[in-house]
Amino acid sequence: MNLTLKTRVNNVARGLVPYAIIAFLLGLAWEVSPFRIGINATPSVPKGVYFYMKDHLPSLSHEDYVLFEYFPHAPYDESFDRIRLTSTSFVKHPLGLPGEVIDVDGSSFYRVEKDGGRTLLSIASTEMPLIQSYENLIIPNDYIFMGSDNPRGFDSRYFGLVHKSQLIGKAWLLWQFE
């Protein structure tokens, strides 16, 4: 009877080994793969499941979603420093790209167009301290103004410009939920 039980255990173990190897290889492939899936549960961009590709940052447009990491010791201009966080990832729109001009006027943020007109980017909630007001701020080459149109979205309105070294990858909304 013991021999039969031992044989059964060995057979089950031999049967599980291929699955364990496959699980290990899939985990390893996931770790080295540039593809990831994440969930956004905040109202600043659509709530949903996002697919993103690590280190995939072709030319960006204002409508793109970009995953970036904000951390307190990022190489960004200290004059924009307002709020200290531990390392955290965000998905936002690149509302202001290098070379573009933005105006920060009270709680309103504008992109200054080439013809001199202004496009309202967002109006911030007054519940948190904003970065100081700026008029005709030219975004430096290695920085991006990240944001959303949600007044309560935590973004560059509060913590300043994002350095390109903080960008993780471009994101795509796969499935939206409320």
C-alpha atoms as a PDB file:
ATOM      1  CA  MET A   1       0.000   0.000   0.000  1.00  0.00           C
ATOM      2  CA  ASN A   2       2.821   2.444   0.877  1.00  0.00           C
ATOM      3  CA  LEU A   3       4.568   1.669  -2.393  1.00  0.00           C
ATOM      4  CA  THR A   4       1.430   2.484  -4.301  1.00  0.00           C
ATOM      5  CA  LEU A   5       1.034   5.788  -2.439  1.00  0.00           C
ATOM      6  CA  LYS A   6       4.693   6.596  -3.036  1.00  0.00           C
ATOM      7  CA  THR A   7       4.289   5.797  -6.735  1.00  0.00           C
ATOM      8  CA  ARG A   8       1.211   8.014  -6.937  1.00  0.00           C
ATOM      9  CA  VAL A   9       3.024  10.917  -5.255  1.00  0.00           C
ATOM     10  CA  ASN A  10       5.960  10.516  -7.660  1.00  0.00           C
ATOM     11  CA  ASN A  11       3.625  10.436 -10.653  1.00  0.00           C
ATOM     12  CA  VAL A  12       1.832  13.579  -9.481  1.00  0.00           C
ATOM     13  CA  ALA A  13       5.169  15.308  -8.840  1.00  0.00           C
ATOM     14  CA  ARG A  14       6.466  14.343 -12.292  1.00  0.00           C
ATOM     15  CA  GLY A  15       3.222  15.612 -13.776  1.00  0.00           C
ATOM     16  CA  LEU A  16       3.586  18.983 -12.017  1.00  0.00           C
ATOM     17  CA  VAL A  17       7.205  19.583 -13.011  1.00  0.00           C
ATOM     18  CA  PRO A  18       6.387  20.685 -16.590  1.00  0.00           C
ATOM     19  CA  TYR A  19       3.765  23.126 -15.245  1.00  0.00           C
ATOM     20  CA  ALA A  20       6.251  24.516 -12.728  1.00  0.00           C
ATOM     21  CA  ILE A  21       8.816  24.987 -15.494  1.00  0.00           C
ATOM     22  CA  ILE A  22       6.246  26.702 -17.724  1.00  0.00           C
ATOM     23  CA  ALA A  23       5.156  28.992 -14.847  1.00  0.00           C
ATOM     24  CA  PHE A  24       8.790  29.877 -14.148  1.00  0.00           C
ATOM     25  CA  LEU A  25       9.480  30.639 -17.824  1.00  0.00           C
ATOM     26  CA  LEU A  26       6.329  32.759 -18.117  1.00  0.00           C
ATOM     27  CA  GLY A  27       7.290  34.687 -14.990  1.00  0.00           C
ATOM     28  CA  LEU A  28      10.782  35.227 -16.363  1.00  0.00           C
ATOM     29  CA  ALA A  29       9.379  36.330 -19.738  1.00  0.00           C
ATOM     30  CA  TRP A  30       7.033  38.752 -17.941  1.00  0.00           C
ATOM     31  CA  GLU A  31       9.930  40.214 -15.978  1.00  0.00           C
ATOM     32  CA  VAL A  32      12.128  40.866 -19.025  1.00  0.00           C
ATOM     33  CA  SER A  33       9.248  41.728 -21.348  1.00  0.00           C
ATOM     34  CA  PRO A  34       8.626  45.412 -22.067  1.00  0.00           C
ATOM     35  CA  PHE A  35       4.845  44.843 -21.830  1.00  0.00           C
ATOM     36  CA  ARG A  36       2.836  45.438 -18.661  1.00  0.00           C
ATOM     37  CA  ILE A  37      -0.752  45.813 -17.552  1.00  0.00           C
ATOM     38  CA  GLY A  38      -1.834  48.256 -14.839  1.00  0.00           C
ATOM     39  CA  ILE A  39      -5.046  49.560 -13.324  1.00  0.00           C
ATOM     40  CA  ASN A  40      -6.007  53.179 -12.749  1.00  0.00           C
ATOM     41  CA  ALA A  41      -8.672  53.645 -10.113  1.00  0.00           C
ATOM     42  CA  THR A  42      -8.468  57.414  -9.789  1.00  0.00           C
ATOM     43  CA  PRO A  43     -10.692  59.915 -11.621  1.00  0.00           C
ATOM     44  CA  SER A  44      -7.815  61.934 -13.133  1.00  0.00           C
ATOM     45  CA  VAL A  45      -7.731  59.807 -16.292  1.00  0.00           C
ATOM     46  CA  PRO A  46     -10.342  57.210 -17.277  1.00  0.00           C
ATOM     47  CA  LYS A  47     -10.653  54.477 -14.665  1.00  0.00           C
ATOM     48  CA  GLY A  48      -9.695  51.221 -16.256  1.00  0.00           C
ATOM     49  CA  VAL A  49      -7.088  48.685 -17.260  1.00  0.00           C
ATOM     50  CA  TYR A  50      -4.082  50.041 -19.142  1.00  0.00           C
ATOM     51  CA  PHE A  51      -1.587  48.221 -21.295  1.00  0.00           C
ATOM     52  CA  TYR A  52       1.799  49.868 -21.420  1.00  0.00           C
ATOM     53  CA  MET A  53       5.067  49.182 -23.109  1.00  0.00           C
ATOM     54  CA  LYS A  54       8.130  49.876 -21.001  1.00  0.00           C
ATOM     55  CA  ASP A  55      10.673  52.203 -22.627  1.00  0.00           C
ATOM     56  CA  HIS A  56       8.342  52.762 -25.607  1.00  0.00           C
ATOM     57  CA  LEU A  57       8.233  56.513 -25.980  1.00  0.00           C
ATOM     58  CA  PRO A  58       8.079  57.586 -29.592  1.00  0.00           C
ATOM     59  CA  SER A  59       7.149  61.174 -30.224  1.00  0.00           C
ATOM     60  CA  LEU A  60       4.426  62.113 -27.774  1.00  0.00           C
ATOM     61  CA  SER A  61       1.223  64.018 -28.413  1.00  0.00           C
ATOM     62  CA  HIS A  62      -1.032  65.774 -25.905  1.00  0.00           C
ATOM     63  CA  GLU A  63      -3.675  63.031 -26.225  1.00  0.00           C
ATOM     64  CA  ASP A  64      -1.315  60.141 -25.377  1.00  0.00           C
ATOM     65  CA  TYR A  65      -1.302  58.413 -22.021  1.00  0.00           C
ATOM     66  CA  VAL A  66       2.146  58.119 -20.455  1.00  0.00           C
ATOM     67  CA  LEU A  67       3.187  56.111 -17.428  1.00  0.00           C
ATOM     68  CA  PHE A  68       5.835  57.821 -15.327  1.00  0.00           C
ATOM     69  CA  GLU A  69       7.329  57.515 -11.909  1.00  0.00           C
ATOM     70  CA  TYR A  70       7.340  60.385  -9.486  1.00  0.00           C
ATOM     71  CA  PHE A  71       9.819  60.165  -6.656  1.00  0.00           C
ATOM     72  CA  PRO A  72      11.220  62.792  -4.319  1.00  0.00           C
ATOM     73  CA  HIS A  73      14.787  62.785  -5.594  1.00  0.00           C
ATOM     74  CA  ALA A  74      14.092  62.958  -9.332  1.00  0.00           C
ATOM     75  CA  PRO A  75      16.413  65.227 -11.342  1.00  0.00           C
ATOM     76  CA  TYR A  76      13.910  68.032 -11.807  1.00  0.00           C
ATOM     77  CA  ASP A  77      14.118  71.747 -11.303  1.00  0.00           C
ATOM     78  CA  GLU A  78      13.864  72.365  -7.552  1.00  0.00           C
ATOM     79  CA  SER A  79      11.842  75.541  -8.154  1.00  0.00           C
ATOM     80  CA  PHE A  80       8.908  73.254  -9.032  1.00  0.00           C
ATOM     81  CA  ASP A  81       9.244  71.156  -5.875  1.00  0.00           C
ATOM     82  CA  ARG A  82       6.058  71.240  -3.831  1.00  0.00           C
ATOM     83  CA  ILE A  83       5.064  67.844  -2.487  1.00  0.00           C
ATOM     84  CA  ARG A  84       7.264  64.981  -1.328  1.00  0.00           C
ATOM     85  CA  LEU A  85       6.084  61.452  -2.073  1.00  0.00           C
ATOM     86  CA  THR A  86       7.619  58.043  -1.953  1.00  0.00           C
ATOM     87  CA  SER A  87       8.127  56.405  -5.350  1.00  0.00           C
ATOM     88  CA  THR A  88       4.764  56.227  -7.149  1.00  0.00           C
ATOM     89  CA  SER A  89       3.685  55.586 -10.744  1.00  0.00           C
ATOM     90  CA  PHE A  90       1.101  57.734 -12.513  1.00  0.00           C
ATOM     91  CA  VAL A  91      -0.676  57.649 -15.873  1.00  0.00           C
ATOM     92  CA  LYS A  92      -1.297  61.145 -17.270  1.00  0.00           C
ATOM     93  CA  HIS A  93      -1.408  63.112 -20.512  1.00  0.00           C
ATOM     94  CA  PRO A  94       1.688  65.058 -21.608  1.00  0.00           C
ATOM     95  CA  LEU A  95      -0.143  68.401 -21.703  1.00  0.00           C
ATOM     96  CA  GLY A  96       3.006  70.495 -22.124  1.00  0.00           C
ATOM     97  CA  LEU A  97       5.917  69.207 -24.202  1.00  0.00           C
ATOM     98  CA  PRO A  98       9.513  70.491 -24.413  1.00  0.00           C
ATOM     99  CA  GLY A  99       9.692  73.916 -26.040  1.00  0.00           C
ATOM    100  CA  GLU A 100       6.003  74.666 -25.469  1.00  0.00           C
ATOM    101  CA  VAL A 101       4.905  77.555 -23.291  1.00  0.00           C
ATOM    102  CA  ILE A 102       2.524  77.299 -20.342  1.00  0.00           C
ATOM    103  CA  ASP A 103       0.864  79.868 -18.117  1.00  0.00           C
ATOM    104  CA  VAL A 104      -0.031  79.094 -14.527  1.00  0.00           C
ATOM    105  CA  ASP A 105      -2.528  81.702 -13.437  1.00  0.00           C
ATOM    106  CA  GLY A 106      -4.012  81.082 -10.005  1.00  0.00           C
ATOM    107  CA  SER A 107      -5.724  77.702 -10.307  1.00  0.00           C
ATOM    108  CA  SER A 108      -5.883  77.770 -14.130  1.00  0.00           C
ATOM    109  CA  PHE A 109      -3.261  76.243 -16.385  1.00  0.00           C
ATOM    110  CA  TYR A 110      -2.947  77.170 -20.049  1.00  0.00           C
ATOM    111  CA  ARG A 111      -0.812  76.130 -22.994  1.00  0.00           C
ATOM    112  CA  VAL A 112       0.216  79.220 -24.954  1.00  0.00           C
ATOM    113  CA  GLU A 113      -0.216  78.532 -28.663  1.00  0.00           C
ATOM    114  CA  LYS A 114       2.153  79.789 -31.362  1.00  0.00           C
ATOM    115  CA  ASP A 115      -0.399  82.379 -32.482  1.00  0.00           C
ATOM    116  CA  GLY A 116      -0.450  83.829 -28.950  1.00  0.00           C
ATOM    117  CA  GLY A 117      -3.789  82.307 -27.981  1.00  0.00           C
ATOM    118  CA  ARG A 118      -4.161  80.208 -24.854  1.00  0.00           C
ATOM    119  CA  THR A 119      -5.680  76.730 -24.508  1.00  0.00           C
ATOM    120  CA  LEU A 120      -7.088  75.931 -21.078  1.00  0.00           C
ATOM    121  CA  LEU A 121      -5.469  72.705 -19.862  1.00  0.00           C
ATOM    122  CA  SER A 122      -7.165  72.444 -16.509  1.00  0.00           C
ATOM    123  CA  ILE A 123      -8.540  74.242 -13.524  1.00  0.00           C
ATOM    124  CA  ALA A 124      -7.123  72.919 -10.276  1.00  0.00           C
ATOM    125  CA  SER A 125      -8.964  72.161  -7.086  1.00  0.00           C
ATOM    126  CA  THR A 126      -8.201  74.601  -4.313  1.00  0.00           C
ATOM    127  CA  GLU A 127      -7.823  71.828  -1.735  1.00  0.00           C
ATOM    128  CA  MET A 128      -4.053  71.439  -2.253  1.00  0.00           C
ATOM    129  CA  PRO A 129      -1.281  74.010  -2.632  1.00  0.00           C
ATOM    130  CA  LEU A 130      -0.380  74.635  -6.262  1.00  0.00           C
ATOM    131  CA  ILE A 131       2.989  75.386  -7.751  1.00  0.00           C
ATOM    132  CA  GLN A 132       3.578  79.113  -7.993  1.00  0.00           C
ATOM    133  CA  SER A 133       2.111  81.151 -10.833  1.00  0.00           C
ATOM    134  CA  TYR A 134       4.154  81.436 -14.028  1.00  0.00           C
ATOM    135  CA  GLU A 135       3.633  83.486 -17.130  1.00  0.00           C
ATOM    136  CA  ASN A 136       5.028  82.248 -20.447  1.00  0.00           C
ATOM    137  CA  LEU A 137       7.093  79.448 -18.898  1.00  0.00           C
ATOM    138  CA  ILE A 138       8.993  77.642 -21.670  1.00  0.00           C
ATOM    139  CA  ILE A 139       9.188  73.945 -20.835  1.00  0.00           C
ATOM    140  CA  PRO A 140      12.880  72.872 -20.886  1.00  0.00           C
ATOM    141  CA  ASN A 141      14.088  70.170 -23.291  1.00  0.00           C
ATOM    142  CA  ASP A 142      14.141  67.234 -20.887  1.00  0.00           C
ATOM    143  CA  TYR A 143      10.863  68.004 -19.092  1.00  0.00           C
ATOM    144  CA  ILE A 144       7.134  67.480 -19.618  1.00  0.00           C
ATOM    145  CA  PHE A 145       4.080  69.049 -17.970  1.00  0.00           C
ATOM    146  CA  MET A 146       1.954  65.991 -17.119  1.00  0.00           C
ATOM    147  CA  GLY A 147      -1.711  66.416 -16.304  1.00  0.00           C
ATOM    148  CA  SER A 148      -5.370  65.725 -16.744  1.00  0.00           C
ATOM    149  CA  ASP A 149      -8.516  67.773 -17.059  1.00  0.00           C
ATOM    150  CA  ASN A 150      -9.748  66.632 -13.660  1.00  0.00           C
ATOM    151  CA  PRO A 151      -9.588  69.446 -11.066  1.00  0.00           C
ATOM    152  CA  ARG A 152      -8.579  66.936  -8.386  1.00  0.00           C
ATOM    153  CA  GLY A 153      -5.962  65.107 -10.476  1.00  0.00           C
ATOM    154  CA  PHE A 154      -2.561  64.960  -8.784  1.00  0.00           C
ATOM    155  CA  ASP A 155      -0.138  66.022 -11.500  1.00  0.00           C
ATOM    156  CA  SER A 156       2.305  68.738 -12.610  1.00  0.00           C
ATOM    157  CA  ARG A 157      -0.050  71.389 -11.256  1.00  0.00           C
ATOM    158  CA  TYR A 158       1.046  70.252  -7.813  1.00  0.00           C
ATOM    159  CA  PHE A 159       4.475  68.623  -8.144  1.00  0.00           C
ATOM    160  CA  GLY A 160       5.946  70.418 -11.146  1.00  0.00           C
ATOM    161  CA  LEU A 161       7.507  69.248 -14.380  1.00  0.00           C
ATOM    162  CA  VAL A 162       8.437  65.609 -14.974  1.00  0.00           C
ATOM    163  CA  HIS A 163      11.966  64.811 -16.167  1.00  0.00           C
ATOM    164  CA  LYS A 164      12.299  62.431 -19.136  1.00  0.00           C
ATOM    165  CA  SER A 165      14.259  59.984 -16.937  1.00  0.00           C
ATOM    166  CA  GLN A 166      11.033  59.442 -14.962  1.00  0.00           C
ATOM    167  CA  LEU A 167       9.051  58.285 -18.014  1.00  0.00           C
ATOM    168  CA  ILE A 168       8.364  54.553 -18.027  1.00  0.00           C
ATOM    169  CA  GLY A 169       6.408  54.080 -21.243  1.00  0.00           C
ATOM    170  CA  LYS A 170       3.414  54.930 -23.362  1.00  0.00           C
ATOM    171  CA  ALA A 171       0.083  53.554 -22.123  1.00  0.00           C
ATOM    172  CA  TRP A 172      -3.117  52.517 -23.913  1.00  0.00           C
ATOM    173  CA  LEU A 173      -6.536  52.148 -22.279  1.00  0.00           C
ATOM    174  CA  LEU A 174      -7.715  48.560 -22.787  1.00  0.00           C
ATOM    175  CA  TRP A 175     -10.891  48.519 -20.765  1.00  0.00           C
ATOM    176  CA  GLN A 176     -12.712  51.366 -19.040  1.00  0.00           C
ATOM    177  CA  PHE A 177     -14.868  50.949 -15.954  1.00  0.00           C
ATOM    178  CA  GLU A 178     -16.747  53.375 -13.732  1.00  0.00           C
END
